[in-house]
N, C-alpha and C. Protein backbone atom coordinates (compact mmCIF):
# COMPACT_ATOMS: atom_id res chain seq x y z
N MET A 1 20.95 6.95 57.65
CA MET A 1 21.70 7.08 56.42
C MET A 1 22.50 8.38 56.44
N LYS A 2 23.74 8.34 56.02
CA LYS A 2 24.61 9.50 56.04
C LYS A 2 24.40 10.32 54.79
N SER A 3 24.31 11.65 54.95
CA SER A 3 24.15 12.53 53.81
C SER A 3 24.90 13.82 54.05
N VAL A 4 25.26 14.50 52.94
CA VAL A 4 25.93 15.81 53.03
C VAL A 4 25.29 16.74 52.02
N GLU A 5 25.36 18.02 52.30
CA GLU A 5 24.91 19.04 51.36
C GLU A 5 26.12 19.84 50.90
N LYS A 6 26.17 20.12 49.58
CA LYS A 6 27.29 20.84 49.02
C LYS A 6 26.80 21.89 48.02
N SER A 7 27.53 22.99 47.94
CA SER A 7 27.25 24.04 46.96
C SER A 7 28.47 24.22 46.08
N ALA A 8 28.24 24.53 44.80
CA ALA A 8 29.33 24.76 43.85
C ALA A 8 28.78 25.51 42.64
N ARG A 9 29.65 25.83 41.70
CA ARG A 9 29.21 26.58 40.52
C ARG A 9 28.20 25.80 39.69
N THR A 10 28.34 24.46 39.66
CA THR A 10 27.42 23.61 38.91
C THR A 10 26.98 22.44 39.77
N VAL A 11 25.91 21.78 39.34
CA VAL A 11 25.43 20.59 40.05
C VAL A 11 26.50 19.51 40.06
N ASP A 12 27.15 19.31 38.92
CA ASP A 12 28.17 18.26 38.82
C ASP A 12 29.33 18.50 39.79
N GLU A 13 29.75 19.77 39.90
CA GLU A 13 30.84 20.07 40.81
C GLU A 13 30.42 19.85 42.27
N ALA A 14 29.20 20.22 42.59
CA ALA A 14 28.69 20.02 43.95
C ALA A 14 28.62 18.54 44.28
N VAL A 15 28.17 17.75 43.32
CA VAL A 15 28.08 16.30 43.52
C VAL A 15 29.47 15.70 43.73
N GLU A 16 30.42 16.13 42.92
CA GLU A 16 31.79 15.61 43.05
C GLU A 16 32.36 15.94 44.43
N ASP A 17 32.09 17.17 44.92
CA ASP A 17 32.57 17.53 46.26
C ASP A 17 31.97 16.61 47.32
N ALA A 18 30.68 16.33 47.18
CA ALA A 18 30.00 15.47 48.15
C ALA A 18 30.54 14.04 48.10
N LEU A 19 30.78 13.53 46.91
CA LEU A 19 31.30 12.18 46.77
C LEU A 19 32.68 12.05 47.40
N ARG A 20 33.49 13.10 47.25
CA ARG A 20 34.83 13.06 47.86
C ARG A 20 34.72 13.02 49.38
N GLU A 21 33.80 13.81 49.94
CA GLU A 21 33.64 13.81 51.39
C GLU A 21 33.13 12.48 51.91
N LEU A 22 32.19 11.87 51.17
CA LEU A 22 31.62 10.59 51.59
C LEU A 22 32.52 9.41 51.24
N GLU A 23 33.55 9.68 50.44
CA GLU A 23 34.48 8.64 49.99
C GLU A 23 33.73 7.50 49.32
N THR A 24 32.91 7.85 48.33
CA THR A 24 32.11 6.84 47.63
C THR A 24 31.95 7.24 46.17
N THR A 25 31.11 6.49 45.46
CA THR A 25 30.87 6.74 44.04
C THR A 25 29.39 6.98 43.78
N LYS A 26 29.07 7.43 42.56
CA LYS A 26 27.70 7.80 42.24
C LYS A 26 26.72 6.65 42.38
N ASP A 27 27.17 5.43 42.07
CA ASP A 27 26.25 4.29 42.12
C ASP A 27 25.89 3.89 43.55
N GLN A 28 26.55 4.49 44.54
CA GLN A 28 26.28 4.16 45.93
C GLN A 28 25.48 5.25 46.66
N VAL A 29 24.99 6.24 45.91
CA VAL A 29 24.32 7.36 46.57
C VAL A 29 23.04 7.75 45.85
N GLU A 30 22.24 8.53 46.56
CA GLU A 30 21.06 9.17 45.99
C GLU A 30 21.33 10.67 45.94
N ILE A 31 21.10 11.29 44.78
CA ILE A 31 21.42 12.71 44.59
C ILE A 31 20.13 13.51 44.48
N GLU A 32 20.03 14.53 45.32
CA GLU A 32 18.87 15.42 45.30
C GLU A 32 19.35 16.85 45.02
N VAL A 33 18.86 17.42 43.94
CA VAL A 33 19.24 18.79 43.59
C VAL A 33 18.33 19.75 44.35
N LEU A 34 18.90 20.48 45.27
CA LEU A 34 18.13 21.42 46.09
C LEU A 34 17.94 22.76 45.38
N GLU A 35 18.98 23.21 44.67
CA GLU A 35 18.90 24.46 43.90
C GLU A 35 19.77 24.34 42.66
N GLU A 36 19.23 24.77 41.54
CA GLU A 36 20.03 24.86 40.34
C GLU A 36 20.85 26.14 40.39
N ALA A 37 21.99 26.13 39.74
CA ALA A 37 22.81 27.34 39.65
C ALA A 37 22.10 28.37 38.77
N THR A 38 22.16 29.63 39.15
CA THR A 38 21.56 30.70 38.35
C THR A 38 22.60 31.77 38.07
N LYS A 39 22.51 32.37 36.90
CA LYS A 39 23.42 33.45 36.52
C LYS A 39 22.76 34.79 36.79
N GLY A 40 23.49 35.67 37.39
CA GLY A 40 22.97 37.00 37.67
C GLY A 40 23.21 37.95 36.52
N LEU A 41 22.99 39.20 36.77
CA LEU A 41 23.18 40.24 35.77
C LEU A 41 24.62 40.24 35.28
N LEU A 42 24.76 40.13 33.96
CA LEU A 42 26.09 40.09 33.33
C LEU A 42 26.94 38.91 33.84
N GLY A 43 26.20 37.90 34.33
CA GLY A 43 26.90 36.70 34.80
C GLY A 43 27.56 36.85 36.14
N LEU A 44 27.33 38.01 36.82
CA LEU A 44 27.99 38.24 38.10
C LEU A 44 27.00 38.56 39.21
N LEU A 45 26.30 39.69 39.09
CA LEU A 45 25.42 40.14 40.16
C LEU A 45 24.21 39.23 40.32
N GLY A 46 23.95 38.82 41.56
CA GLY A 46 22.76 38.02 41.84
C GLY A 46 22.87 36.56 41.45
N SER A 47 24.06 36.09 41.09
CA SER A 47 24.20 34.68 40.73
C SER A 47 24.14 33.81 41.98
N LYS A 48 23.66 32.59 41.80
CA LYS A 48 23.54 31.65 42.92
C LYS A 48 24.20 30.32 42.54
N PRO A 49 24.91 29.70 43.48
CA PRO A 49 25.53 28.40 43.18
C PRO A 49 24.49 27.28 43.20
N ALA A 50 24.87 26.17 42.62
CA ALA A 50 24.02 24.97 42.70
C ALA A 50 24.20 24.35 44.09
N ARG A 51 23.12 23.77 44.60
CA ARG A 51 23.18 23.13 45.93
C ARG A 51 22.56 21.75 45.83
N VAL A 52 23.24 20.74 46.35
CA VAL A 52 22.75 19.36 46.27
C VAL A 52 22.84 18.68 47.63
N ARG A 53 22.02 17.67 47.79
CA ARG A 53 22.12 16.77 48.96
C ARG A 53 22.43 15.38 48.43
N VAL A 54 23.50 14.79 48.91
CA VAL A 54 23.93 13.46 48.46
C VAL A 54 23.86 12.50 49.65
N THR A 55 23.10 11.42 49.48
CA THR A 55 22.85 10.48 50.58
C THR A 55 23.32 9.08 50.22
N LEU A 56 24.08 8.50 51.13
CA LEU A 56 24.52 7.11 50.92
C LEU A 56 23.34 6.17 50.94
N HIS A 57 23.35 5.18 50.03
CA HIS A 57 22.32 4.16 50.06
C HIS A 57 22.40 3.38 51.37
N ASP A 58 21.25 2.89 51.80
CA ASP A 58 21.18 2.07 53.01
C ASP A 58 21.73 0.68 52.67
N THR A 59 22.98 0.42 53.01
CA THR A 59 23.60 -0.86 52.68
C THR A 59 23.03 -1.98 53.53
N HIS A 60 23.30 -3.21 53.12
CA HIS A 60 22.80 -4.39 53.85
C HIS A 60 23.33 -4.38 55.28
N GLU A 61 24.62 -4.02 55.44
CA GLU A 61 25.22 -4.05 56.77
C GLU A 61 24.58 -3.00 57.68
N SER A 62 24.41 -1.78 57.16
CA SER A 62 23.84 -0.73 58.00
C SER A 62 22.38 -1.01 58.31
N LYS A 63 21.69 -1.66 57.37
CA LYS A 63 20.29 -2.02 57.62
C LYS A 63 20.21 -3.05 58.74
N LEU A 64 21.12 -4.02 58.75
CA LEU A 64 21.13 -5.01 59.81
C LEU A 64 21.45 -4.38 61.17
N GLU A 65 22.40 -3.44 61.18
CA GLU A 65 22.74 -2.76 62.43
C GLU A 65 21.53 -2.00 62.96
N SER A 66 20.82 -1.33 62.06
CA SER A 66 19.62 -0.60 62.47
C SER A 66 18.55 -1.56 62.99
N LYS A 67 18.43 -2.71 62.33
CA LYS A 67 17.45 -3.71 62.76
C LYS A 67 17.83 -4.29 64.12
N ALA A 68 19.12 -4.44 64.36
CA ALA A 68 19.58 -4.95 65.66
C ALA A 68 19.19 -3.99 66.78
N GLN A 69 19.32 -2.70 66.53
CA GLN A 69 18.91 -1.71 67.53
C GLN A 69 17.41 -1.78 67.79
N GLN A 70 16.63 -1.94 66.72
CA GLN A 70 15.18 -2.06 66.87
C GLN A 70 14.82 -3.31 67.68
N THR A 71 15.57 -4.40 67.43
CA THR A 71 15.31 -5.66 68.12
C THR A 71 15.57 -5.51 69.62
N ALA A 72 16.71 -4.92 69.96
CA ALA A 72 17.04 -4.72 71.37
C ALA A 72 15.99 -3.84 72.05
N GLN A 73 15.55 -2.80 71.36
CA GLN A 73 14.54 -1.90 71.93
C GLN A 73 13.22 -2.62 72.14
N PHE A 74 12.83 -3.46 71.17
CA PHE A 74 11.57 -4.19 71.30
C PHE A 74 11.60 -5.12 72.51
N VAL A 75 12.68 -5.89 72.64
CA VAL A 75 12.78 -6.85 73.75
C VAL A 75 12.82 -6.10 75.09
N GLU A 76 13.57 -5.00 75.13
CA GLU A 76 13.67 -4.24 76.38
C GLU A 76 12.30 -3.68 76.79
N GLU A 77 11.56 -3.12 75.84
CA GLU A 77 10.25 -2.56 76.15
C GLU A 77 9.26 -3.65 76.54
N LEU A 78 9.33 -4.80 75.87
CA LEU A 78 8.44 -5.90 76.20
C LEU A 78 8.66 -6.40 77.62
N LEU A 79 9.92 -6.59 77.98
CA LEU A 79 10.22 -7.09 79.32
C LEU A 79 9.96 -6.03 80.40
N ALA A 80 10.09 -4.77 80.03
CA ALA A 80 9.78 -3.70 80.98
C ALA A 80 8.29 -3.73 81.34
N LYS A 81 7.47 -4.04 80.35
CA LYS A 81 6.03 -4.15 80.61
C LYS A 81 5.71 -5.34 81.51
N MET A 82 6.62 -6.30 81.53
CA MET A 82 6.45 -7.48 82.40
C MET A 82 7.13 -7.28 83.75
N ASP A 83 7.66 -6.07 83.96
CA ASP A 83 8.36 -5.74 85.21
C ASP A 83 9.56 -6.65 85.45
N ILE A 84 10.29 -6.94 84.38
CA ILE A 84 11.50 -7.76 84.49
C ILE A 84 12.70 -6.87 84.15
N PRO A 85 13.48 -6.45 85.16
CA PRO A 85 14.64 -5.58 84.90
C PRO A 85 15.78 -6.38 84.26
N VAL A 86 16.27 -5.92 83.13
CA VAL A 86 17.32 -6.65 82.41
C VAL A 86 18.28 -5.66 81.76
N GLN A 87 19.41 -6.19 81.34
CA GLN A 87 20.34 -5.46 80.48
C GLN A 87 20.39 -6.21 79.15
N ILE A 88 20.23 -5.48 78.07
CA ILE A 88 20.11 -6.11 76.76
C ILE A 88 21.15 -5.56 75.79
N SER A 89 21.78 -6.45 75.05
CA SER A 89 22.69 -6.05 73.98
C SER A 89 22.34 -6.84 72.73
N ALA A 90 22.54 -6.22 71.58
CA ALA A 90 22.24 -6.89 70.31
C ALA A 90 23.42 -6.69 69.37
N SER A 91 23.74 -7.73 68.62
CA SER A 91 24.85 -7.67 67.67
C SER A 91 24.49 -8.43 66.40
N VAL A 92 25.22 -8.13 65.34
CA VAL A 92 25.00 -8.79 64.05
C VAL A 92 26.15 -9.76 63.79
N LYS A 93 25.81 -11.01 63.51
CA LYS A 93 26.82 -12.02 63.19
C LYS A 93 26.31 -12.88 62.05
N GLU A 94 27.04 -12.86 60.94
CA GLU A 94 26.72 -13.71 59.79
C GLU A 94 25.26 -13.54 59.36
N ASP A 95 24.85 -12.29 59.15
CA ASP A 95 23.50 -11.97 58.67
C ASP A 95 22.40 -12.34 59.66
N MET A 96 22.74 -12.58 60.91
CA MET A 96 21.76 -12.87 61.95
C MET A 96 21.90 -11.86 63.07
N ILE A 97 20.82 -11.63 63.77
CA ILE A 97 20.85 -10.72 64.91
C ILE A 97 20.79 -11.55 66.19
N PHE A 98 21.78 -11.34 67.07
CA PHE A 98 21.84 -12.05 68.35
C PHE A 98 21.53 -11.07 69.47
N VAL A 99 20.55 -11.42 70.28
CA VAL A 99 20.16 -10.60 71.42
C VAL A 99 20.54 -11.34 72.70
N ASP A 100 21.32 -10.67 73.55
CA ASP A 100 21.73 -11.28 74.81
C ASP A 100 21.04 -10.54 75.94
N ILE A 101 20.38 -11.30 76.83
CA ILE A 101 19.66 -10.74 77.96
C ILE A 101 20.40 -11.12 79.24
N GLN A 102 20.73 -10.12 80.05
CA GLN A 102 21.41 -10.35 81.32
C GLN A 102 20.55 -9.79 82.45
N GLY A 103 20.62 -10.43 83.60
CA GLY A 103 19.85 -9.96 84.75
C GLY A 103 19.88 -11.00 85.86
N GLU A 104 18.99 -10.85 86.81
CA GLU A 104 18.92 -11.77 87.93
C GLU A 104 17.63 -12.58 87.90
N ASN A 105 17.76 -13.84 88.27
CA ASN A 105 16.59 -14.73 88.37
C ASN A 105 15.77 -14.74 87.08
N LEU A 106 16.44 -15.05 85.98
CA LEU A 106 15.78 -15.01 84.68
C LEU A 106 15.34 -16.39 84.19
N GLY A 107 15.30 -17.35 85.12
CA GLY A 107 14.85 -18.69 84.73
C GLY A 107 13.45 -18.67 84.15
N LEU A 108 12.63 -17.73 84.60
CA LEU A 108 11.27 -17.60 84.09
C LEU A 108 11.25 -17.32 82.60
N LEU A 109 12.26 -16.58 82.12
CA LEU A 109 12.31 -16.26 80.69
C LEU A 109 12.76 -17.45 79.85
N ILE A 110 13.44 -18.39 80.48
CA ILE A 110 13.92 -19.57 79.74
C ILE A 110 12.82 -20.62 79.65
N GLY A 111 12.21 -20.94 80.79
CA GLY A 111 11.15 -21.94 80.78
C GLY A 111 11.69 -23.36 80.66
N ARG A 112 10.79 -24.31 80.61
CA ARG A 112 11.16 -25.72 80.52
C ARG A 112 11.80 -26.00 79.17
N ARG A 113 13.05 -26.43 79.20
CA ARG A 113 13.81 -26.74 77.99
C ARG A 113 13.81 -25.58 76.99
N GLY A 114 13.78 -24.37 77.53
CA GLY A 114 13.88 -23.20 76.68
C GLY A 114 12.63 -22.83 75.92
N GLN A 115 11.48 -23.40 76.31
CA GLN A 115 10.25 -23.16 75.55
C GLN A 115 9.79 -21.71 75.63
N THR A 116 9.90 -21.10 76.83
CA THR A 116 9.51 -19.70 76.97
C THR A 116 10.45 -18.80 76.17
N LEU A 117 11.72 -19.12 76.20
CA LEU A 117 12.71 -18.36 75.45
C LEU A 117 12.45 -18.47 73.94
N ASP A 118 12.10 -19.67 73.49
CA ASP A 118 11.78 -19.86 72.08
C ASP A 118 10.56 -19.02 71.68
N SER A 119 9.57 -18.94 72.56
CA SER A 119 8.38 -18.14 72.28
C SER A 119 8.72 -16.66 72.19
N LEU A 120 9.58 -16.20 73.12
CA LEU A 120 10.02 -14.80 73.10
C LEU A 120 10.79 -14.51 71.81
N GLN A 121 11.62 -15.44 71.39
CA GLN A 121 12.39 -15.28 70.17
C GLN A 121 11.47 -15.22 68.94
N TYR A 122 10.48 -16.09 68.92
CA TYR A 122 9.53 -16.12 67.80
C TYR A 122 8.74 -14.82 67.72
N LEU A 123 8.25 -14.35 68.86
CA LEU A 123 7.49 -13.11 68.92
C LEU A 123 8.34 -11.93 68.47
N THR A 124 9.60 -11.90 68.92
CA THR A 124 10.51 -10.82 68.54
C THR A 124 10.76 -10.82 67.04
N ALA A 125 10.99 -12.00 66.48
CA ALA A 125 11.25 -12.09 65.03
C ALA A 125 10.05 -11.60 64.23
N LEU A 126 8.85 -11.97 64.65
CA LEU A 126 7.64 -11.52 63.95
C LEU A 126 7.51 -10.00 64.00
N ALA A 127 7.76 -9.43 65.18
CA ALA A 127 7.59 -7.99 65.36
C ALA A 127 8.62 -7.20 64.55
N VAL A 128 9.87 -7.62 64.62
CA VAL A 128 10.94 -6.86 63.97
C VAL A 128 10.91 -7.01 62.45
N ASN A 129 10.53 -8.20 61.97
CA ASN A 129 10.52 -8.44 60.53
C ASN A 129 9.20 -8.06 59.85
N ARG A 130 8.25 -7.61 60.63
CA ARG A 130 6.93 -7.29 60.08
C ARG A 130 7.06 -6.21 59.00
N GLY A 131 6.48 -6.49 57.84
CA GLY A 131 6.49 -5.54 56.74
C GLY A 131 7.80 -5.44 56.00
N ASP A 132 8.75 -6.30 56.32
CA ASP A 132 10.07 -6.28 55.67
C ASP A 132 10.19 -7.52 54.78
N ASP A 133 10.42 -7.30 53.50
CA ASP A 133 10.56 -8.44 52.57
C ASP A 133 11.83 -9.23 52.84
N ASP A 134 12.81 -8.60 53.46
CA ASP A 134 14.09 -9.26 53.74
C ASP A 134 14.07 -9.80 55.16
N TRP A 135 13.62 -11.06 55.33
CA TRP A 135 13.48 -11.66 56.66
C TRP A 135 14.86 -11.90 57.27
N THR A 136 15.03 -11.46 58.50
CA THR A 136 16.29 -11.63 59.21
C THR A 136 16.10 -12.61 60.36
N ARG A 137 16.97 -13.59 60.45
CA ARG A 137 16.89 -14.54 61.55
C ARG A 137 17.36 -13.87 62.84
N ILE A 138 16.59 -14.04 63.90
CA ILE A 138 16.89 -13.44 65.19
C ILE A 138 17.03 -14.53 66.25
N VAL A 139 18.11 -14.48 67.00
CA VAL A 139 18.36 -15.43 68.09
C VAL A 139 18.36 -14.65 69.40
N VAL A 140 17.49 -15.03 70.31
CA VAL A 140 17.42 -14.39 71.63
C VAL A 140 17.96 -15.37 72.66
N ASP A 141 18.89 -14.91 73.47
CA ASP A 141 19.51 -15.78 74.48
C ASP A 141 19.45 -15.10 75.84
N VAL A 142 19.44 -15.93 76.89
CA VAL A 142 19.43 -15.44 78.26
C VAL A 142 20.66 -15.99 78.98
N GLU A 143 21.61 -15.10 79.28
CA GLU A 143 22.80 -15.46 80.06
C GLU A 143 23.50 -16.72 79.56
N GLY A 144 23.65 -16.83 78.24
CA GLY A 144 24.38 -17.95 77.66
C GLY A 144 23.66 -19.28 77.69
N TYR A 145 22.34 -19.26 77.91
CA TYR A 145 21.60 -20.52 78.00
C TYR A 145 21.74 -21.35 76.74
N ARG A 146 21.63 -20.73 75.57
CA ARG A 146 21.62 -21.51 74.32
C ARG A 146 22.95 -22.22 74.09
N GLU A 147 24.04 -21.58 74.46
CA GLU A 147 25.34 -22.25 74.32
C GLU A 147 25.43 -23.45 75.25
N ARG A 148 24.98 -23.27 76.48
CA ARG A 148 24.99 -24.41 77.42
C ARG A 148 24.07 -25.52 76.94
N ARG A 149 22.92 -25.14 76.42
CA ARG A 149 21.96 -26.13 75.91
C ARG A 149 22.55 -26.87 74.72
N GLU A 150 23.28 -26.16 73.89
CA GLU A 150 23.90 -26.81 72.72
C GLU A 150 24.91 -27.85 73.16
N GLU A 151 25.73 -27.51 74.15
CA GLU A 151 26.71 -28.48 74.66
C GLU A 151 26.01 -29.69 75.25
N THR A 152 24.92 -29.47 75.97
CA THR A 152 24.14 -30.57 76.54
C THR A 152 23.60 -31.47 75.45
N LEU A 153 23.07 -30.87 74.39
CA LEU A 153 22.49 -31.65 73.29
C LEU A 153 23.56 -32.45 72.56
N ARG A 154 24.72 -31.86 72.38
CA ARG A 154 25.80 -32.59 71.70
C ARG A 154 26.20 -33.82 72.50
N GLY A 155 26.35 -33.65 73.81
CA GLY A 155 26.69 -34.79 74.66
C GLY A 155 25.60 -35.84 74.66
N LEU A 156 24.35 -35.40 74.76
CA LEU A 156 23.22 -36.32 74.74
C LEU A 156 23.16 -37.09 73.42
N ALA A 157 23.38 -36.38 72.32
CA ALA A 157 23.32 -37.02 71.00
C ALA A 157 24.35 -38.14 70.89
N ARG A 158 25.55 -37.89 71.36
CA ARG A 158 26.60 -38.91 71.25
C ARG A 158 26.32 -40.10 72.17
N ARG A 159 25.83 -39.83 73.36
CA ARG A 159 25.51 -40.95 74.27
C ARG A 159 24.41 -41.84 73.69
N LEU A 160 23.38 -41.21 73.15
CA LEU A 160 22.28 -41.98 72.59
C LEU A 160 22.67 -42.66 71.28
N ALA A 161 23.59 -42.06 70.55
CA ALA A 161 24.09 -42.71 69.33
C ALA A 161 24.86 -43.98 69.69
N GLU A 162 25.66 -43.91 70.74
CA GLU A 162 26.38 -45.10 71.19
C GLU A 162 25.39 -46.19 71.62
N LYS A 163 24.31 -45.78 72.28
CA LYS A 163 23.29 -46.73 72.71
C LYS A 163 22.61 -47.38 71.52
N ALA A 164 22.27 -46.58 70.51
CA ALA A 164 21.61 -47.12 69.31
C ALA A 164 22.54 -48.08 68.57
N SER A 165 23.83 -47.71 68.52
CA SER A 165 24.79 -48.54 67.80
C SER A 165 25.03 -49.87 68.51
N SER A 166 25.16 -49.83 69.83
CA SER A 166 25.47 -51.06 70.58
C SER A 166 24.26 -51.97 70.74
N SER A 167 23.06 -51.37 70.83
CA SER A 167 21.85 -52.18 71.03
C SER A 167 21.20 -52.58 69.72
N HIS A 168 21.65 -51.94 68.61
CA HIS A 168 21.06 -52.18 67.29
C HIS A 168 19.56 -51.88 67.27
N ARG A 169 19.19 -50.88 68.07
CA ARG A 169 17.78 -50.46 68.12
C ARG A 169 17.71 -48.95 67.97
N ARG A 170 16.62 -48.48 67.43
CA ARG A 170 16.47 -47.05 67.24
C ARG A 170 16.19 -46.36 68.58
N VAL A 171 16.64 -45.14 68.68
CA VAL A 171 16.44 -44.33 69.88
C VAL A 171 15.71 -43.05 69.48
N VAL A 172 14.64 -42.74 70.20
CA VAL A 172 13.83 -41.55 69.89
C VAL A 172 14.04 -40.50 70.97
N LEU A 173 14.43 -39.31 70.56
CA LEU A 173 14.64 -38.22 71.51
C LEU A 173 13.33 -37.49 71.79
N ASP A 174 13.34 -36.66 72.83
CA ASP A 174 12.18 -35.84 73.14
C ASP A 174 11.95 -34.80 72.04
N PRO A 175 10.75 -34.28 71.92
CA PRO A 175 10.49 -33.23 70.91
C PRO A 175 11.43 -32.05 71.09
N MET A 176 11.87 -31.48 69.97
CA MET A 176 12.77 -30.32 69.98
C MET A 176 12.35 -29.35 68.90
N ASN A 177 12.79 -28.10 69.05
CA ASN A 177 12.56 -27.14 67.97
C ASN A 177 13.55 -27.39 66.83
N ALA A 178 13.36 -26.69 65.74
CA ALA A 178 14.17 -26.94 64.54
C ALA A 178 15.65 -26.70 64.78
N LEU A 179 15.98 -25.66 65.54
CA LEU A 179 17.39 -25.35 65.80
C LEU A 179 18.06 -26.46 66.59
N GLU A 180 17.39 -26.98 67.60
CA GLU A 180 17.98 -28.05 68.41
C GLU A 180 18.08 -29.34 67.62
N ARG A 181 17.10 -29.61 66.76
CA ARG A 181 17.20 -30.82 65.92
C ARG A 181 18.40 -30.73 64.99
N ARG A 182 18.64 -29.54 64.44
CA ARG A 182 19.80 -29.38 63.56
C ARG A 182 21.10 -29.64 64.30
N ILE A 183 21.16 -29.22 65.57
CA ILE A 183 22.37 -29.46 66.37
C ILE A 183 22.63 -30.96 66.49
N VAL A 184 21.59 -31.73 66.78
CA VAL A 184 21.74 -33.19 66.93
C VAL A 184 22.14 -33.83 65.61
N HIS A 185 21.44 -33.46 64.53
CA HIS A 185 21.77 -34.04 63.22
C HIS A 185 23.23 -33.73 62.85
N HIS A 186 23.64 -32.49 63.07
CA HIS A 186 25.00 -32.09 62.70
C HIS A 186 26.04 -32.83 63.54
N GLU A 187 25.78 -33.00 64.83
CA GLU A 187 26.72 -33.67 65.71
C GLU A 187 26.94 -35.12 65.30
N LEU A 188 25.90 -35.76 64.78
CA LEU A 188 26.00 -37.20 64.46
C LEU A 188 26.28 -37.48 62.98
N GLN A 189 26.52 -36.43 62.21
CA GLN A 189 26.82 -36.64 60.79
C GLN A 189 28.03 -37.55 60.58
N SER A 190 29.04 -37.35 61.42
CA SER A 190 30.27 -38.13 61.25
C SER A 190 30.40 -39.25 62.29
N PHE A 191 29.31 -39.55 62.99
CA PHE A 191 29.34 -40.61 63.99
C PHE A 191 29.14 -41.96 63.29
N ASP A 192 30.13 -42.83 63.37
CA ASP A 192 30.07 -44.12 62.67
C ASP A 192 28.99 -45.02 63.27
N GLY A 193 28.27 -45.68 62.40
CA GLY A 193 27.34 -46.72 62.83
C GLY A 193 25.92 -46.28 63.03
N VAL A 194 25.63 -44.99 62.87
CA VAL A 194 24.25 -44.54 63.06
C VAL A 194 23.87 -43.53 61.98
N GLU A 195 22.57 -43.33 61.82
CA GLU A 195 22.05 -42.28 60.95
C GLU A 195 20.85 -41.65 61.67
N THR A 196 20.48 -40.46 61.26
CA THR A 196 19.39 -39.75 61.95
C THR A 196 18.38 -39.21 60.96
N HIS A 197 17.17 -39.07 61.44
CA HIS A 197 16.15 -38.33 60.70
C HIS A 197 15.13 -37.81 61.71
N SER A 198 14.23 -36.94 61.25
CA SER A 198 13.21 -36.38 62.13
C SER A 198 11.84 -36.93 61.78
N GLU A 199 11.01 -37.09 62.80
CA GLU A 199 9.65 -37.60 62.61
C GLU A 199 8.65 -36.70 63.33
N GLY A 200 7.40 -36.72 62.83
CA GLY A 200 6.33 -35.98 63.49
C GLY A 200 6.19 -34.56 62.99
N LYS A 201 5.24 -33.85 63.57
CA LYS A 201 4.98 -32.46 63.21
C LYS A 201 5.23 -31.56 64.41
N ASP A 202 5.70 -30.33 64.12
CA ASP A 202 5.92 -29.37 65.20
C ASP A 202 4.61 -29.08 65.93
N PRO A 203 4.63 -28.91 67.24
CA PRO A 203 5.81 -28.81 68.10
C PRO A 203 6.28 -30.15 68.67
N TYR A 204 5.80 -31.26 68.10
CA TYR A 204 6.15 -32.59 68.63
C TYR A 204 7.15 -33.33 67.74
N ARG A 205 7.76 -32.61 66.80
CA ARG A 205 8.73 -33.25 65.92
C ARG A 205 9.99 -33.60 66.71
N ARG A 206 10.53 -34.79 66.46
CA ARG A 206 11.67 -35.26 67.25
C ARG A 206 12.69 -35.97 66.36
N VAL A 207 13.90 -36.08 66.88
CA VAL A 207 14.99 -36.75 66.17
C VAL A 207 14.97 -38.23 66.52
N VAL A 208 15.19 -39.06 65.50
CA VAL A 208 15.30 -40.50 65.69
C VAL A 208 16.70 -40.91 65.26
N ILE A 209 17.37 -41.66 66.14
CA ILE A 209 18.72 -42.18 65.84
C ILE A 209 18.60 -43.66 65.53
N LEU A 210 19.07 -44.09 64.37
CA LEU A 210 18.96 -45.48 63.93
C LEU A 210 20.32 -46.11 63.68
N PRO A 211 20.50 -47.35 64.06
CA PRO A 211 21.75 -48.03 63.69
C PRO A 211 21.79 -48.24 62.17
N GLU A 212 22.95 -48.02 61.58
CA GLU A 212 23.07 -48.22 60.14
C GLU A 212 22.90 -49.68 59.79
N LYS A 213 22.24 -49.90 58.66
CA LYS A 213 21.99 -51.28 58.24
C LYS A 213 23.18 -51.80 57.47
């Protein structure tokens, strides 16, 4: 959080100086009076100015940026303990934190159909959001795997939708996590002749594609 200290003849003047430097208003800051102004002998000798510390409130955006740094640090330290050398970057997009992991031979971190990656993402979200009432969604990716997986799922969804429509029989996909199921549902929202829903309980919940009646 950014803060400045200012001195002036009065507390109000010191606060105004600080607000001008921070380019903000009183409702966006916390004001701490460090010293009250004092008058010396005959109003001159021994007088002291007022001194204040003015601190900008921790905005939602700055809090997310700070959380993104914590997330990257957590993932980096976790993988270091596993002796996996990586380069990690974290960014904030649409109130979500995206962590990108780069390195060599990282298939182990992805696992079968991304299951290991999903576990790493879940663990990271729990650690970073612990004790915070404002839960932030965290997406962890390895070398663009999730984007490639999304494209694969979109293509698979359309092929199976065509199969369900032409055969007039329902098609059941393999179990998927909630994010992947949403991708399939969204892809087929405007696909004529079929409808979708999910069945089962996690981690075995799956998408079912049905021909429209």
